[in-house]
Amino acid sequence: MTQKITLSIPDLLHEKLKEWRNSFNFSKMFQDTLTEAIQKKEAFQKRFSEDFDMPEIIKRLKQEKLIWEKKYYQLGKEAALNWAKVAHYEDLLYVVRFNGTYELISDPNMNEYFEQIYNSTDLVKYAKSGSVDHEQLFIDGWFNGIFEFWNQVKEKL
């Protein structure tokens, strides 16, 4: 059984196709080319999976990911503790009561602080590239650091 598909080609190529339509079996050409491309992909995948110990690679990458995540989370937590040590009571309350965790970085009261943090770390590079993971991990660590600090001091105030 055969299936029909629709292909899009540029106008110039379409003009050439009309010109050479009687000289070629375009359907057969497409089938042969597509079959060859698929066979190459399948052969590559097979060779890739045979040449590498995929479970070992995945295990290594998982470990690297955990280290990477911990780095940015810990960076955020340390920055938060440094900020909290010198923050005014009103500022601490503001952050502790803040709704919308990730919006804090663009909040008018905290924007300047986070700009300084981003510029002093490699976070500015990732923020510009649109990579969300670094920023989220940093902010998660930052808020965790703030709440740990707050829980230590609030009963003593």
N, C-alpha and C. Protein backbone atom coordinates (compact mmCIF):
# COMPACT_ATOMS: atom_id res chain seq x y z
N MET A 1 0.84 -1.17 0.00
CA MET A 1 0.00 0.00 0.00
C MET A 1 0.89 1.24 0.00
N THR A 2 0.51 2.23 -0.74
CA THR A 2 1.28 3.48 -0.78
C THR A 2 0.45 4.62 -0.19
N GLN A 3 1.17 5.58 0.36
CA GLN A 3 0.56 6.77 0.94
C GLN A 3 1.01 8.00 0.16
N LYS A 4 0.11 8.94 0.04
CA LYS A 4 0.47 10.20 -0.61
C LYS A 4 0.84 11.22 0.46
N ILE A 5 1.85 12.03 0.13
CA ILE A 5 2.23 13.13 1.01
C ILE A 5 2.36 14.39 0.17
N THR A 6 2.38 15.51 0.80
CA THR A 6 2.54 16.78 0.11
C THR A 6 3.88 17.37 0.52
N LEU A 7 4.64 17.83 -0.46
CA LEU A 7 5.93 18.45 -0.21
C LEU A 7 5.88 19.90 -0.63
N SER A 8 6.65 20.71 0.04
CA SER A 8 6.79 22.12 -0.35
C SER A 8 8.18 22.31 -0.90
N ILE A 9 8.25 22.98 -2.03
CA ILE A 9 9.55 23.27 -2.63
C ILE A 9 9.54 24.73 -3.09
N PRO A 10 10.72 25.34 -3.19
CA PRO A 10 10.79 26.74 -3.65
C PRO A 10 10.31 26.87 -5.09
N ASP A 11 9.86 28.06 -5.42
CA ASP A 11 9.33 28.33 -6.77
C ASP A 11 10.33 27.97 -7.87
N LEU A 12 11.57 28.34 -7.70
CA LEU A 12 12.58 28.07 -8.73
C LEU A 12 12.73 26.57 -8.96
N LEU A 13 12.75 25.80 -7.88
CA LEU A 13 12.85 24.34 -8.02
C LEU A 13 11.59 23.79 -8.69
N HIS A 14 10.44 24.35 -8.38
CA HIS A 14 9.20 23.90 -9.00
C HIS A 14 9.23 24.13 -10.51
N GLU A 15 9.78 25.25 -10.92
CA GLU A 15 9.91 25.54 -12.36
C GLU A 15 10.80 24.49 -13.03
N LYS A 16 11.91 24.15 -12.37
CA LYS A 16 12.81 23.13 -12.91
C LYS A 16 12.11 21.76 -12.94
N LEU A 17 11.33 21.46 -11.89
CA LEU A 17 10.60 20.20 -11.83
C LEU A 17 9.66 20.08 -13.03
N LYS A 18 8.93 21.14 -13.32
CA LYS A 18 8.00 21.11 -14.46
C LYS A 18 8.77 20.88 -15.76
N GLU A 19 9.93 21.48 -15.84
CA GLU A 19 10.74 21.37 -17.05
C GLU A 19 11.26 19.94 -17.27
N TRP A 20 11.58 19.23 -16.20
CA TRP A 20 12.18 17.91 -16.28
C TRP A 20 11.24 16.79 -15.87
N ARG A 21 9.98 17.10 -15.69
CA ARG A 21 9.00 16.12 -15.19
C ARG A 21 9.03 14.80 -15.96
N ASN A 22 9.14 14.84 -17.27
CA ASN A 22 9.09 13.62 -18.09
C ASN A 22 10.39 12.82 -18.05
N SER A 23 11.46 13.43 -17.56
CA SER A 23 12.76 12.75 -17.56
C SER A 23 13.03 11.96 -16.28
N PHE A 24 12.27 12.24 -15.24
CA PHE A 24 12.53 11.60 -13.95
C PHE A 24 11.27 11.01 -13.35
N ASN A 25 11.47 10.00 -12.54
CA ASN A 25 10.39 9.48 -11.72
C ASN A 25 10.61 10.10 -10.32
N PHE A 26 10.00 11.28 -10.09
CA PHE A 26 10.24 12.02 -8.85
C PHE A 26 9.80 11.24 -7.62
N SER A 27 8.75 10.49 -7.75
CA SER A 27 8.28 9.70 -6.62
C SER A 27 9.34 8.67 -6.22
N LYS A 28 9.89 7.99 -7.21
CA LYS A 28 10.92 6.98 -6.96
C LYS A 28 12.18 7.64 -6.41
N MET A 29 12.55 8.79 -6.95
CA MET A 29 13.74 9.51 -6.48
C MET A 29 13.58 9.88 -5.00
N PHE A 30 12.41 10.39 -4.67
CA PHE A 30 12.16 10.79 -3.28
C PHE A 30 12.20 9.56 -2.37
N GLN A 31 11.56 8.48 -2.79
CA GLN A 31 11.55 7.26 -1.98
C GLN A 31 12.97 6.75 -1.74
N ASP A 32 13.77 6.72 -2.80
CA ASP A 32 15.15 6.23 -2.67
C ASP A 32 15.97 7.13 -1.74
N THR A 33 15.84 8.43 -1.90
CA THR A 33 16.59 9.37 -1.08
C THR A 33 16.15 9.30 0.38
N LEU A 34 14.85 9.22 0.59
CA LEU A 34 14.34 9.13 1.95
C LEU A 34 14.76 7.82 2.61
N THR A 35 14.70 6.73 1.86
CA THR A 35 15.12 5.42 2.38
C THR A 35 16.59 5.47 2.79
N GLU A 36 17.42 6.05 1.95
CA GLU A 36 18.85 6.15 2.25
C GLU A 36 19.10 7.01 3.49
N ALA A 37 18.40 8.12 3.60
CA ALA A 37 18.57 9.01 4.76
C ALA A 37 18.15 8.31 6.05
N ILE A 38 17.05 7.59 6.02
CA ILE A 38 16.57 6.87 7.20
C ILE A 38 17.56 5.75 7.57
N GLN A 39 18.06 5.03 6.56
CA GLN A 39 19.02 3.96 6.84
C GLN A 39 20.29 4.51 7.48
N LYS A 40 20.74 5.68 7.03
CA LYS A 40 21.93 6.30 7.62
C LYS A 40 21.68 6.66 9.08
N LYS A 41 20.52 7.23 9.35
CA LYS A 41 20.18 7.60 10.74
C LYS A 41 20.10 6.36 11.62
N GLU A 42 19.45 5.32 11.12
CA GLU A 42 19.31 4.10 11.90
C GLU A 42 20.67 3.45 12.14
N ALA A 43 21.53 3.45 11.11
CA ALA A 43 22.86 2.87 11.25
C ALA A 43 23.68 3.67 12.26
N PHE A 44 23.55 4.99 12.23
CA PHE A 44 24.26 5.83 13.19
C PHE A 44 23.80 5.54 14.61
N GLN A 45 22.49 5.46 14.80
CA GLN A 45 21.95 5.18 16.14
C GLN A 45 22.42 3.81 16.63
N LYS A 46 22.42 2.84 15.74
CA LYS A 46 22.85 1.50 16.13
C LYS A 46 24.32 1.51 16.49
N ARG A 47 25.13 2.16 15.66
CA ARG A 47 26.57 2.25 15.91
C ARG A 47 26.82 3.03 17.20
N PHE A 48 26.07 4.09 17.41
CA PHE A 48 26.21 4.91 18.62
C PHE A 48 25.92 4.10 19.86
N SER A 49 24.82 3.35 19.82
CA SER A 49 24.45 2.58 21.01
C SER A 49 25.40 1.40 21.23
N GLU A 50 26.00 0.87 20.18
CA GLU A 50 26.95 -0.23 20.34
C GLU A 50 28.32 0.27 20.78
N ASP A 51 28.71 1.46 20.27
CA ASP A 51 30.04 1.99 20.58
C ASP A 51 30.13 2.56 21.99
N PHE A 52 29.02 2.92 22.58
CA PHE A 52 29.03 3.55 23.89
C PHE A 52 28.21 2.75 24.88
N ASP A 53 28.65 2.78 26.08
CA ASP A 53 27.91 2.16 27.16
C ASP A 53 26.90 3.19 27.66
N MET A 54 25.71 3.20 27.06
CA MET A 54 24.71 4.22 27.34
C MET A 54 24.34 4.29 28.82
N PRO A 55 24.12 3.19 29.50
CA PRO A 55 23.80 3.31 30.93
C PRO A 55 24.91 4.02 31.72
N GLU A 56 26.15 3.75 31.34
CA GLU A 56 27.28 4.40 32.02
C GLU A 56 27.33 5.90 31.70
N ILE A 57 27.04 6.25 30.46
CA ILE A 57 27.02 7.67 30.06
C ILE A 57 25.89 8.39 30.79
N ILE A 58 24.73 7.77 30.86
CA ILE A 58 23.60 8.39 31.54
C ILE A 58 23.90 8.56 33.03
N LYS A 59 24.53 7.58 33.63
CA LYS A 59 24.90 7.67 35.05
C LYS A 59 25.86 8.84 35.26
N ARG A 60 26.85 8.98 34.39
CA ARG A 60 27.82 10.07 34.50
C ARG A 60 27.14 11.43 34.34
N LEU A 61 26.25 11.53 33.34
CA LEU A 61 25.56 12.80 33.11
C LEU A 61 24.63 13.16 34.26
N LYS A 62 24.00 12.17 34.86
CA LYS A 62 23.14 12.44 36.03
C LYS A 62 23.98 13.01 37.17
N GLN A 63 25.15 12.43 37.39
CA GLN A 63 26.03 12.92 38.46
C GLN A 63 26.47 14.36 38.16
N GLU A 64 26.83 14.63 36.91
CA GLU A 64 27.24 15.98 36.53
C GLU A 64 26.08 16.96 36.71
N LYS A 65 24.89 16.53 36.38
CA LYS A 65 23.71 17.38 36.53
C LYS A 65 23.48 17.73 37.99
N LEU A 66 23.61 16.74 38.87
CA LEU A 66 23.44 16.99 40.31
C LEU A 66 24.46 17.99 40.82
N ILE A 67 25.69 17.85 40.39
CA ILE A 67 26.75 18.78 40.80
C ILE A 67 26.44 20.17 40.27
N TRP A 68 26.03 20.26 39.02
CA TRP A 68 25.68 21.53 38.39
C TRP A 68 24.52 22.19 39.12
N GLU A 69 23.47 21.42 39.42
CA GLU A 69 22.31 21.96 40.12
C GLU A 69 22.70 22.45 41.51
N LYS A 70 23.51 21.66 42.19
CA LYS A 70 23.92 22.03 43.54
C LYS A 70 24.74 23.32 43.52
N LYS A 71 25.56 23.49 42.50
CA LYS A 71 26.40 24.68 42.40
C LYS A 71 25.54 25.94 42.38
N TYR A 72 24.54 26.00 41.51
CA TYR A 72 23.73 27.20 41.38
C TYR A 72 22.76 27.38 42.55
N TYR A 73 22.28 26.29 43.09
CA TYR A 73 21.42 26.35 44.26
C TYR A 73 22.23 26.89 45.44
N GLN A 74 23.42 26.34 45.63
CA GLN A 74 24.29 26.75 46.73
C GLN A 74 24.73 28.20 46.56
N LEU A 75 25.01 28.61 45.33
CA LEU A 75 25.38 30.00 45.05
C LEU A 75 24.25 30.94 45.48
N GLY A 76 23.02 30.58 45.18
CA GLY A 76 21.87 31.38 45.58
C GLY A 76 21.72 31.42 47.10
N LYS A 77 21.91 30.29 47.73
CA LYS A 77 21.75 30.21 49.18
C LYS A 77 22.80 31.08 49.88
N GLU A 78 24.04 31.00 49.42
CA GLU A 78 25.11 31.81 50.00
C GLU A 78 24.85 33.30 49.80
N ALA A 79 24.39 33.68 48.61
CA ALA A 79 24.08 35.09 48.34
C ALA A 79 22.97 35.57 49.26
N ALA A 80 21.98 34.73 49.49
CA ALA A 80 20.86 35.10 50.36
C ALA A 80 21.32 35.31 51.79
N LEU A 81 22.15 34.41 52.29
CA LEU A 81 22.64 34.54 53.66
C LEU A 81 23.48 35.80 53.83
N ASN A 82 24.30 36.10 52.82
CA ASN A 82 25.09 37.34 52.88
C ASN A 82 24.19 38.56 52.87
N TRP A 83 23.14 38.52 52.07
CA TRP A 83 22.20 39.65 52.02
C TRP A 83 21.44 39.77 53.34
N ALA A 84 20.97 38.65 53.85
CA ALA A 84 20.16 38.65 55.07
C ALA A 84 20.95 39.17 56.27
N LYS A 85 22.24 38.91 56.32
CA LYS A 85 23.07 39.35 57.44
C LYS A 85 23.09 40.88 57.58
N VAL A 86 22.95 41.57 56.45
CA VAL A 86 23.04 43.04 56.48
C VAL A 86 21.71 43.71 56.16
N ALA A 87 20.69 42.91 55.86
CA ALA A 87 19.39 43.48 55.47
C ALA A 87 18.70 44.13 56.67
N HIS A 88 17.93 45.14 56.37
CA HIS A 88 17.09 45.78 57.39
C HIS A 88 15.89 44.89 57.66
N TYR A 89 15.35 45.00 58.85
CA TYR A 89 14.20 44.21 59.27
C TYR A 89 13.05 44.33 58.26
N GLU A 90 12.77 45.55 57.84
CA GLU A 90 11.67 45.79 56.89
C GLU A 90 11.92 45.06 55.57
N ASP A 91 13.17 45.06 55.12
CA ASP A 91 13.51 44.37 53.88
C ASP A 91 13.36 42.85 54.03
N LEU A 92 13.77 42.33 55.16
CA LEU A 92 13.60 40.89 55.41
C LEU A 92 12.12 40.51 55.37
N LEU A 93 11.29 41.31 56.06
CA LEU A 93 9.85 41.04 56.04
C LEU A 93 9.30 41.09 54.62
N TYR A 94 9.75 42.07 53.87
CA TYR A 94 9.29 42.23 52.50
C TYR A 94 9.56 40.95 51.69
N VAL A 95 10.76 40.43 51.80
CA VAL A 95 11.15 39.23 51.04
C VAL A 95 10.41 38.00 51.57
N VAL A 96 10.35 37.85 52.88
CA VAL A 96 9.69 36.68 53.48
C VAL A 96 8.22 36.63 53.08
N ARG A 97 7.60 37.77 52.99
CA ARG A 97 6.17 37.83 52.65
C ARG A 97 5.90 37.98 51.16
N PHE A 98 6.94 38.00 50.37
CA PHE A 98 6.80 38.25 48.93
C PHE A 98 6.11 37.07 48.25
N ASN A 99 5.12 37.36 47.43
CA ASN A 99 4.45 36.33 46.63
C ASN A 99 4.99 36.40 45.22
N GLY A 100 5.23 35.27 44.62
CA GLY A 100 5.74 35.25 43.25
C GLY A 100 7.24 35.14 43.21
N THR A 101 7.77 34.07 43.74
CA THR A 101 9.19 33.84 43.93
C THR A 101 10.06 34.39 42.80
N TYR A 102 9.85 33.97 41.58
CA TYR A 102 10.76 34.33 40.49
C TYR A 102 10.59 35.78 40.04
N GLU A 103 9.48 36.40 40.43
CA GLU A 103 9.27 37.80 40.08
C GLU A 103 10.10 38.74 40.95
N LEU A 104 10.66 38.22 42.02
CA LEU A 104 11.44 39.06 42.94
C LEU A 104 12.61 39.72 42.24
N ILE A 105 13.22 39.03 41.29
CA ILE A 105 14.40 39.59 40.62
C ILE A 105 14.09 40.85 39.83
N SER A 106 12.84 41.01 39.40
CA SER A 106 12.48 42.23 38.66
C SER A 106 11.64 43.18 39.51
N ASP A 107 11.46 42.85 40.78
CA ASP A 107 10.71 43.72 41.69
C ASP A 107 11.51 45.01 41.90
N PRO A 108 10.85 46.17 41.87
CA PRO A 108 11.57 47.45 42.01
C PRO A 108 12.40 47.54 43.29
N ASN A 109 11.95 46.91 44.37
CA ASN A 109 12.69 46.97 45.63
C ASN A 109 13.94 46.10 45.63
N MET A 110 13.99 45.10 44.77
CA MET A 110 15.11 44.14 44.80
C MET A 110 15.90 44.10 43.49
N ASN A 111 15.41 44.76 42.48
CA ASN A 111 16.02 44.69 41.15
C ASN A 111 17.50 45.06 41.15
N GLU A 112 17.84 46.14 41.81
CA GLU A 112 19.23 46.59 41.82
C GLU A 112 20.15 45.54 42.47
N TYR A 113 19.68 44.98 43.57
CA TYR A 113 20.46 43.94 44.25
C TYR A 113 20.71 42.76 43.32
N PHE A 114 19.65 42.27 42.66
CA PHE A 114 19.82 41.11 41.79
C PHE A 114 20.66 41.44 40.56
N GLU A 115 20.59 42.65 40.06
CA GLU A 115 21.46 43.04 38.95
C GLU A 115 22.92 42.93 39.36
N GLN A 116 23.25 43.39 40.57
CA GLN A 116 24.62 43.29 41.07
C GLN A 116 25.04 41.83 41.19
N ILE A 117 24.16 41.00 41.72
CA ILE A 117 24.47 39.57 41.86
C ILE A 117 24.71 38.95 40.49
N TYR A 118 23.83 39.24 39.55
CA TYR A 118 23.95 38.66 38.22
C TYR A 118 25.24 39.10 37.54
N ASN A 119 25.59 40.36 37.72
CA ASN A 119 26.80 40.88 37.09
C ASN A 119 28.07 40.35 37.75
N SER A 120 28.00 39.99 39.01
CA SER A 120 29.19 39.50 39.71
C SER A 120 29.36 37.98 39.58
N THR A 121 28.40 37.32 38.98
CA THR A 121 28.48 35.87 38.76
C THR A 121 28.27 35.60 37.28
N ASP A 122 28.30 34.35 36.90
CA ASP A 122 28.05 34.01 35.50
C ASP A 122 26.56 33.92 35.18
N LEU A 123 25.70 34.26 36.15
CA LEU A 123 24.25 34.22 35.91
C LEU A 123 23.83 35.19 34.83
N VAL A 124 24.52 36.31 34.70
CA VAL A 124 24.15 37.29 33.68
C VAL A 124 24.26 36.67 32.29
N LYS A 125 25.26 35.83 32.10
CA LYS A 125 25.44 35.15 30.81
C LYS A 125 24.25 34.24 30.51
N TYR A 126 23.80 33.49 31.53
CA TYR A 126 22.70 32.56 31.33
C TYR A 126 21.36 33.28 31.22
N ALA A 127 21.20 34.38 31.94
CA ALA A 127 19.95 35.15 31.87
C ALA A 127 19.75 35.70 30.47
N LYS A 128 20.84 36.16 29.84
CA LYS A 128 20.74 36.71 28.48
C LYS A 128 20.47 35.63 27.44
N SER A 129 20.95 34.43 27.71
CA SER A 129 20.76 33.34 26.74
C SER A 129 19.37 32.72 26.85
N GLY A 130 18.62 33.10 27.86
CA GLY A 130 17.28 32.56 28.03
C GLY A 130 17.25 31.22 28.73
N SER A 131 18.39 30.80 29.28
CA SER A 131 18.43 29.55 30.02
C SER A 131 17.80 29.76 31.39
N VAL A 132 16.72 29.07 31.64
CA VAL A 132 15.95 29.30 32.85
C VAL A 132 16.51 28.49 34.02
N ASP A 133 17.08 27.34 33.78
CA ASP A 133 17.49 26.44 34.86
C ASP A 133 18.43 27.11 35.86
N HIS A 134 19.46 27.79 35.37
CA HIS A 134 20.42 28.42 36.26
C HIS A 134 19.72 29.41 37.19
N GLU A 135 18.91 30.23 36.59
CA GLU A 135 18.21 31.27 37.33
C GLU A 135 17.25 30.66 38.36
N GLN A 136 16.49 29.68 37.97
CA GLN A 136 15.55 29.04 38.90
C GLN A 136 16.28 28.37 40.05
N LEU A 137 17.35 27.67 39.76
CA LEU A 137 18.12 27.02 40.81
C LEU A 137 18.70 28.06 41.76
N PHE A 138 19.22 29.14 41.21
CA PHE A 138 19.78 30.20 42.03
C PHE A 138 18.70 30.81 42.93
N ILE A 139 17.56 31.16 42.35
CA ILE A 139 16.47 31.78 43.12
C ILE A 139 15.91 30.80 44.16
N ASP A 140 15.77 29.54 43.80
CA ASP A 140 15.32 28.54 44.78
C ASP A 140 16.28 28.48 45.96
N GLY A 141 17.57 28.46 45.68
CA GLY A 141 18.56 28.46 46.75
C GLY A 141 18.52 29.75 47.55
N TRP A 142 18.31 30.87 46.85
CA TRP A 142 18.26 32.18 47.52
C TRP A 142 17.11 32.22 48.52
N PHE A 143 15.93 31.84 48.06
CA PHE A 143 14.77 31.86 48.96
C PHE A 143 14.94 30.87 50.11
N ASN A 144 15.51 29.71 49.83
CA ASN A 144 15.74 28.75 50.89
C ASN A 144 16.69 29.33 51.94
N GLY A 145 17.72 30.00 51.47
CA GLY A 145 18.66 30.65 52.39
C GLY A 145 17.98 31.72 53.23
N ILE A 146 17.11 32.51 52.61
CA ILE A 146 16.38 33.56 53.33
C ILE A 146 15.49 32.93 54.41
N PHE A 147 14.74 31.90 54.03
CA PHE A 147 13.83 31.28 55.00
C PHE A 147 14.58 30.57 56.13
N GLU A 148 15.71 29.95 55.82
CA GLU A 148 16.51 29.34 56.88
C GLU A 148 16.99 30.41 57.86
N PHE A 149 17.47 31.53 57.31
CA PHE A 149 17.91 32.64 58.15
C PHE A 149 16.76 33.16 58.99
N TRP A 150 15.63 33.42 58.35
CA TRP A 150 14.46 33.97 59.04
C TRP A 150 13.99 33.05 60.16
N ASN A 151 13.96 31.76 59.90
CA ASN A 151 13.53 30.81 60.92
C ASN A 151 14.47 30.79 62.13
N GLN A 152 15.72 31.12 61.91
CA GLN A 152 16.68 31.18 63.01
C GLN A 152 16.51 32.43 63.86
N VAL A 153 16.10 33.54 63.23
CA VAL A 153 16.08 34.82 63.96
C VAL A 153 14.70 35.27 64.39
N LYS A 154 13.64 34.84 63.75
CA LYS A 154 12.30 35.42 63.99
C LYS A 154 11.84 35.25 65.44
N GLU A 155 12.11 34.13 66.06
CA GLU A 155 11.65 33.91 67.45
C GLU A 155 12.46 34.74 68.44
N LYS A 156 13.62 35.19 68.02
CA LYS A 156 14.47 35.96 68.93
C LYS A 156 14.25 37.46 68.79
N LEU A 157 13.39 37.86 67.88
CA LEU A 157 13.16 39.30 67.65
C LEU A 157 12.05 39.84 68.52
